Amino acid sequence: MRAIDERVCNIEKERLDSLESSRKEYEVLESRLRNALLEVESKERRLNEVEAMHQNERQRKMAELDLRERLMKEELQHTIDIEASVIIACTRDERRAKTNAAIEKAIAAEKSAAAA
């Protein structure tokens, strides 16, 4: 009977030792998993921060490009308006010069007709 009790005690001790070993292994694996999870979450936060930074930079650059485009269009329109004004002024001056030349020619013709 004693041999059976010792055998049962040995089996129970082996079972408890195995259980303790499995528990320690579980704790080690759980700790590694928690650390890996924390690392992944940290990397995800950094990635989100970098992504947000890039998005903000892209929006800033797009706003800057939009502003430059608007300013260039305004400058181009201003240049077109100036060129149009110059063309209109030149056309007006040319007509005035032709009109003045025609008037002077008519006056010269009248003077020469009056002198004759």
N, C-alpha and C. Protein backbone atom coordinates (compact mmCIF):
# COMPACT_ATOMS: atom_id res chain seq x y z
N MET A 1 0.81 -1.18 0.00
CA MET A 1 0.00 0.00 0.00
C MET A 1 0.87 1.26 0.00
N ARG A 2 1.93 1.15 0.76
CA ARG A 2 2.85 2.28 0.83
C ARG A 2 3.45 2.55 -0.54
N ALA A 3 3.77 1.49 -1.26
CA ALA A 3 4.35 1.64 -2.59
C ALA A 3 3.35 2.33 -3.52
N ILE A 4 2.08 2.01 -3.36
CA ILE A 4 1.04 2.64 -4.19
C ILE A 4 0.92 4.11 -3.82
N ASP A 5 0.97 4.42 -2.52
CA ASP A 5 0.91 5.83 -2.08
C ASP A 5 2.09 6.63 -2.62
N GLU A 6 3.28 5.99 -2.56
CA GLU A 6 4.47 6.68 -3.08
C GLU A 6 4.35 6.89 -4.59
N ARG A 7 3.85 5.87 -5.24
CA ARG A 7 3.66 5.97 -6.70
C ARG A 7 2.65 7.07 -7.02
N VAL A 8 1.54 7.15 -6.30
CA VAL A 8 0.52 8.19 -6.50
C VAL A 8 1.13 9.56 -6.19
N CYS A 9 1.93 9.62 -5.10
CA CYS A 9 2.58 10.89 -4.75
C CYS A 9 3.55 11.31 -5.86
N ASN A 10 4.32 10.38 -6.39
CA ASN A 10 5.26 10.70 -7.47
C ASN A 10 4.51 11.17 -8.72
N ILE A 11 3.44 10.47 -9.04
CA ILE A 11 2.65 10.85 -10.22
C ILE A 11 2.06 12.24 -10.00
N GLU A 12 1.52 12.49 -8.80
CA GLU A 12 0.94 13.80 -8.49
C GLU A 12 2.01 14.89 -8.53
N LYS A 13 3.22 14.56 -7.98
CA LYS A 13 4.32 15.54 -8.01
C LYS A 13 4.73 15.84 -9.45
N GLU A 14 4.83 14.82 -10.28
CA GLU A 14 5.17 15.01 -11.69
C GLU A 14 4.10 15.85 -12.39
N ARG A 15 2.85 15.56 -12.07
CA ARG A 15 1.75 16.32 -12.67
C ARG A 15 1.83 17.79 -12.25
N LEU A 16 2.08 18.05 -10.96
CA LEU A 16 2.19 19.43 -10.46
C LEU A 16 3.40 20.14 -11.06
N ASP A 17 4.53 19.39 -11.16
CA ASP A 17 5.72 19.97 -11.78
C ASP A 17 5.46 20.32 -13.24
N SER A 18 4.80 19.42 -13.94
CA SER A 18 4.47 19.67 -15.34
C SER A 18 3.52 20.86 -15.46
N LEU A 19 2.55 20.91 -14.56
CA LEU A 19 1.60 22.03 -14.55
C LEU A 19 2.32 23.34 -14.27
N GLU A 20 3.22 23.34 -13.31
CA GLU A 20 3.99 24.55 -12.97
C GLU A 20 4.87 24.97 -14.16
N SER A 21 5.49 24.00 -14.80
CA SER A 21 6.34 24.28 -15.97
C SER A 21 5.49 24.87 -17.09
N SER A 22 4.32 24.30 -17.32
CA SER A 22 3.42 24.80 -18.36
C SER A 22 2.93 26.21 -18.03
N ARG A 23 2.65 26.46 -16.74
CA ARG A 23 2.20 27.79 -16.31
C ARG A 23 3.29 28.83 -16.55
N LYS A 24 4.54 28.49 -16.19
CA LYS A 24 5.67 29.41 -16.40
C LYS A 24 5.87 29.68 -17.89
N GLU A 25 5.80 28.63 -18.70
CA GLU A 25 5.94 28.79 -20.14
C GLU A 25 4.82 29.68 -20.68
N TYR A 26 3.59 29.47 -20.19
CA TYR A 26 2.45 30.29 -20.58
C TYR A 26 2.70 31.75 -20.22
N GLU A 27 3.21 32.01 -19.01
CA GLU A 27 3.47 33.38 -18.57
C GLU A 27 4.53 34.03 -19.44
N VAL A 28 5.58 33.27 -19.78
CA VAL A 28 6.64 33.81 -20.65
C VAL A 28 6.06 34.15 -22.02
N LEU A 29 5.29 33.24 -22.58
CA LEU A 29 4.69 33.48 -23.90
C LEU A 29 3.71 34.65 -23.85
N GLU A 30 2.92 34.70 -22.78
CA GLU A 30 1.97 35.80 -22.62
C GLU A 30 2.70 37.13 -22.52
N SER A 31 3.80 37.15 -21.78
CA SER A 31 4.61 38.37 -21.64
C SER A 31 5.19 38.79 -22.99
N ARG A 32 5.71 37.83 -23.74
CA ARG A 32 6.25 38.14 -25.07
C ARG A 32 5.16 38.67 -25.99
N LEU A 33 3.99 38.05 -25.90
CA LEU A 33 2.87 38.49 -26.73
C LEU A 33 2.44 39.91 -26.37
N ARG A 34 2.37 40.20 -25.07
CA ARG A 34 2.00 41.56 -24.64
C ARG A 34 3.03 42.58 -25.13
N ASN A 35 4.31 42.24 -25.01
CA ASN A 35 5.37 43.14 -25.47
C ASN A 35 5.27 43.36 -26.98
N ALA A 36 5.03 42.28 -27.71
CA ALA A 36 4.89 42.40 -29.17
C ALA A 36 3.68 43.26 -29.52
N LEU A 37 2.59 43.08 -28.78
CA LEU A 37 1.39 43.88 -29.01
C LEU A 37 1.65 45.36 -28.72
N LEU A 38 2.34 45.64 -27.62
CA LEU A 38 2.68 47.03 -27.30
C LEU A 38 3.57 47.64 -28.38
N GLU A 39 4.50 46.85 -28.89
CA GLU A 39 5.39 47.33 -29.95
C GLU A 39 4.60 47.63 -31.22
N VAL A 40 3.68 46.75 -31.57
CA VAL A 40 2.85 46.95 -32.77
C VAL A 40 1.98 48.19 -32.59
N GLU A 41 1.39 48.36 -31.41
CA GLU A 41 0.56 49.54 -31.17
C GLU A 41 1.39 50.81 -31.25
N SER A 42 2.60 50.77 -30.72
CA SER A 42 3.49 51.93 -30.77
C SER A 42 3.85 52.26 -32.22
N LYS A 43 4.19 51.22 -32.98
CA LYS A 43 4.52 51.44 -34.40
C LYS A 43 3.31 51.98 -35.15
N GLU A 44 2.12 51.48 -34.82
CA GLU A 44 0.91 51.95 -35.49
C GLU A 44 0.67 53.43 -35.18
N ARG A 45 0.87 53.83 -33.92
CA ARG A 45 0.72 55.25 -33.56
C ARG A 45 1.71 56.11 -34.33
N ARG A 46 2.97 55.65 -34.38
CA ARG A 46 3.99 56.42 -35.11
C ARG A 46 3.62 56.51 -36.60
N LEU A 47 3.16 55.41 -37.14
CA LEU A 47 2.76 55.40 -38.55
C LEU A 47 1.60 56.37 -38.78
N ASN A 48 0.61 56.37 -37.89
CA ASN A 48 -0.51 57.30 -38.02
C ASN A 48 -0.05 58.74 -37.90
N GLU A 49 0.90 59.00 -37.00
CA GLU A 49 1.43 60.35 -36.85
C GLU A 49 2.16 60.79 -38.12
N VAL A 50 2.98 59.90 -38.66
CA VAL A 50 3.73 60.22 -39.89
C VAL A 50 2.75 60.43 -41.04
N GLU A 51 1.74 59.57 -41.12
CA GLU A 51 0.74 59.71 -42.18
C GLU A 51 -0.01 61.03 -42.06
N ALA A 52 -0.37 61.41 -40.85
CA ALA A 52 -1.05 62.69 -40.63
C ALA A 52 -0.13 63.85 -41.00
N MET A 53 1.15 63.72 -40.65
CA MET A 53 2.11 64.77 -40.99
C MET A 53 2.24 64.91 -42.51
N HIS A 54 2.32 63.78 -43.20
CA HIS A 54 2.41 63.83 -44.66
C HIS A 54 1.14 64.41 -45.27
N GLN A 55 0.00 64.06 -44.72
CA GLN A 55 -1.28 64.59 -45.21
C GLN A 55 -1.33 66.11 -45.02
N ASN A 56 -0.89 66.57 -43.85
CA ASN A 56 -0.86 68.01 -43.58
C ASN A 56 0.09 68.72 -44.53
N GLU A 57 1.25 68.11 -44.76
CA GLU A 57 2.23 68.70 -45.67
C GLU A 57 1.66 68.77 -47.09
N ARG A 58 0.98 67.70 -47.50
CA ARG A 58 0.37 67.67 -48.83
C ARG A 58 -0.69 68.77 -48.96
N GLN A 59 -1.53 68.90 -47.93
CA GLN A 59 -2.56 69.94 -47.97
C GLN A 59 -1.94 71.33 -48.01
N ARG A 60 -0.85 71.52 -47.24
CA ARG A 60 -0.18 72.82 -47.24
C ARG A 60 0.40 73.13 -48.63
N LYS A 61 1.03 72.12 -49.23
CA LYS A 61 1.60 72.32 -50.56
C LYS A 61 0.52 72.57 -51.60
N MET A 62 -0.60 71.86 -51.50
CA MET A 62 -1.70 72.08 -52.43
C MET A 62 -2.26 73.49 -52.28
N ALA A 63 -2.40 73.95 -51.04
CA ALA A 63 -2.89 75.31 -50.81
C ALA A 63 -1.90 76.32 -51.38
N GLU A 64 -0.62 76.06 -51.21
CA GLU A 64 0.41 76.95 -51.75
C GLU A 64 0.35 76.97 -53.28
N LEU A 65 0.18 75.80 -53.89
CA LEU A 65 0.07 75.74 -55.34
C LEU A 65 -1.19 76.45 -55.84
N ASP A 66 -2.28 76.27 -55.13
CA ASP A 66 -3.52 76.97 -55.50
C ASP A 66 -3.32 78.48 -55.43
N LEU A 67 -2.66 78.95 -54.39
CA LEU A 67 -2.39 80.38 -54.25
C LEU A 67 -1.51 80.87 -55.38
N ARG A 68 -0.44 80.12 -55.68
CA ARG A 68 0.45 80.51 -56.78
C ARG A 68 -0.33 80.55 -58.11
N GLU A 69 -1.17 79.56 -58.32
CA GLU A 69 -1.96 79.52 -59.56
C GLU A 69 -2.86 80.74 -59.65
N ARG A 70 -3.54 81.06 -58.54
CA ARG A 70 -4.43 82.22 -58.54
C ARG A 70 -3.65 83.51 -58.80
N LEU A 71 -2.49 83.66 -58.15
CA LEU A 71 -1.68 84.86 -58.34
C LEU A 71 -1.17 84.96 -59.78
N MET A 72 -0.78 83.81 -60.36
CA MET A 72 -0.29 83.84 -61.74
C MET A 72 -1.43 84.19 -62.70
N LYS A 73 -2.63 83.68 -62.44
CA LYS A 73 -3.78 84.02 -63.28
C LYS A 73 -4.09 85.51 -63.18
N GLU A 74 -4.05 86.04 -61.95
CA GLU A 74 -4.30 87.47 -61.78
C GLU A 74 -3.23 88.30 -62.49
N GLU A 75 -1.97 87.88 -62.38
CA GLU A 75 -0.88 88.60 -63.04
C GLU A 75 -1.04 88.52 -64.56
N LEU A 76 -1.41 87.35 -65.05
CA LEU A 76 -1.63 87.18 -66.49
C LEU A 76 -2.78 88.06 -66.97
N GLN A 77 -3.87 88.08 -66.21
CA GLN A 77 -5.02 88.92 -66.58
C GLN A 77 -4.63 90.39 -66.58
N HIS A 78 -3.81 90.78 -65.59
CA HIS A 78 -3.35 92.16 -65.52
C HIS A 78 -2.49 92.50 -66.75
N THR A 79 -1.60 91.58 -67.12
CA THR A 79 -0.76 91.78 -68.30
C THR A 79 -1.61 91.87 -69.56
N ILE A 80 -2.61 91.01 -69.67
CA ILE A 80 -3.51 91.04 -70.83
C ILE A 80 -4.25 92.37 -70.88
N ASP A 81 -4.74 92.83 -69.71
CA ASP A 81 -5.45 94.11 -69.66
C ASP A 81 -4.54 95.26 -70.09
N ILE A 82 -3.29 95.24 -69.65
CA ILE A 82 -2.34 96.29 -70.03
C ILE A 82 -2.09 96.25 -71.53
N GLU A 83 -1.86 95.04 -72.07
CA GLU A 83 -1.62 94.90 -73.51
C GLU A 83 -2.84 95.37 -74.31
N ALA A 84 -4.02 95.03 -73.84
CA ALA A 84 -5.24 95.46 -74.53
C ALA A 84 -5.34 96.98 -74.50
N SER A 85 -5.02 97.58 -73.35
CA SER A 85 -5.06 99.04 -73.23
C SER A 85 -4.05 99.69 -74.18
N VAL A 86 -2.88 99.08 -74.28
CA VAL A 86 -1.85 99.62 -75.18
C VAL A 86 -2.32 99.50 -76.62
N ILE A 87 -2.90 98.38 -76.99
CA ILE A 87 -3.39 98.20 -78.38
C ILE A 87 -4.50 99.21 -78.67
N ILE A 88 -5.43 99.36 -77.72
CA ILE A 88 -6.52 100.33 -77.91
C ILE A 88 -5.95 101.74 -78.05
N ALA A 89 -4.99 102.09 -77.20
CA ALA A 89 -4.38 103.43 -77.27
C ALA A 89 -3.65 103.62 -78.60
N CYS A 90 -2.92 102.59 -79.04
CA CYS A 90 -2.21 102.70 -80.32
C CYS A 90 -3.19 102.85 -81.48
N THR A 91 -4.26 102.08 -81.45
CA THR A 91 -5.28 102.15 -82.50
C THR A 91 -5.90 103.55 -82.51
N ARG A 92 -6.22 104.06 -81.31
CA ARG A 92 -6.81 105.40 -81.20
C ARG A 92 -5.83 106.45 -81.72
N ASP A 93 -4.55 106.33 -81.34
CA ASP A 93 -3.54 107.29 -81.79
C ASP A 93 -3.36 107.22 -83.31
N GLU A 94 -3.42 105.97 -83.84
CA GLU A 94 -3.28 105.81 -85.29
C GLU A 94 -4.45 106.46 -86.02
N ARG A 95 -5.68 106.25 -85.51
CA ARG A 95 -6.85 106.89 -86.14
C ARG A 95 -6.75 108.41 -86.04
N ARG A 96 -6.33 108.88 -84.85
CA ARG A 96 -6.20 110.33 -84.66
C ARG A 96 -5.17 110.90 -85.62
N ALA A 97 -4.04 110.17 -85.78
CA ALA A 97 -3.00 110.63 -86.68
C ALA A 97 -3.52 110.65 -88.12
N LYS A 98 -4.27 109.61 -88.52
CA LYS A 98 -4.85 109.58 -89.88
C LYS A 98 -5.84 110.72 -90.05
N THR A 99 -6.68 110.94 -89.00
CA THR A 99 -7.66 112.02 -89.08
C THR A 99 -6.94 113.36 -89.19
N ASN A 100 -5.92 113.56 -88.35
CA ASN A 100 -5.16 114.82 -88.40
C ASN A 100 -4.48 114.99 -89.76
N ALA A 101 -3.96 113.91 -90.31
CA ALA A 101 -3.30 113.99 -91.61
C ALA A 101 -4.32 114.35 -92.69
N ALA A 102 -5.51 113.77 -92.59
CA ALA A 102 -6.56 114.07 -93.58
C ALA A 102 -7.00 115.52 -93.43
N ILE A 103 -7.13 115.99 -92.18
CA ILE A 103 -7.51 117.40 -91.95
C ILE A 103 -6.44 118.33 -92.49
N GLU A 104 -5.17 118.03 -92.21
CA GLU A 104 -4.07 118.88 -92.69
C GLU A 104 -4.02 118.87 -94.22
N LYS A 105 -4.30 117.71 -94.81
CA LYS A 105 -4.30 117.62 -96.28
C LYS A 105 -5.45 118.47 -96.85
N ALA A 106 -6.62 118.40 -96.15
CA ALA A 106 -7.77 119.19 -96.62
C ALA A 106 -7.47 120.67 -96.48
N ILE A 107 -6.84 121.04 -95.33
CA ILE A 107 -6.51 122.48 -95.13
C ILE A 107 -5.49 122.90 -96.16
N ALA A 108 -4.52 122.09 -96.43
CA ALA A 108 -3.49 122.42 -97.43
C ALA A 108 -4.14 122.53 -98.81
N ALA A 109 -5.12 121.67 -99.09
CA ALA A 109 -5.80 121.74 -100.40
C ALA A 109 -6.61 122.99 -100.48
N GLU A 110 -7.28 123.42 -99.39
CA GLU A 110 -8.06 124.65 -99.38
C GLU A 110 -7.15 125.86 -99.56
N LYS A 111 -5.99 125.83 -98.88
CA LYS A 111 -5.07 126.94 -99.00
C LYS A 111 -4.55 127.05 -100.42
N SER A 112 -4.24 125.89 -100.99
CA SER A 112 -3.73 125.96 -102.35
C SER A 112 -4.84 126.34 -103.33
N ALA A 113 -6.10 125.98 -103.05
CA ALA A 113 -7.21 126.37 -103.91
C ALA A 113 -7.51 127.85 -103.69
N ALA A 114 -7.38 128.36 -102.48
CA ALA A 114 -7.62 129.77 -102.20
C ALA A 114 -6.49 130.62 -102.77
N ALA A 115 -5.31 130.12 -102.81
CA ALA A 115 -4.18 130.85 -103.34
C ALA A 115 -4.24 130.88 -104.86
N ALA A 116 -4.90 129.99 -105.48
CA ALA A 116 -4.93 129.94 -106.93
C ALA A 116 -6.02 130.80 -107.46
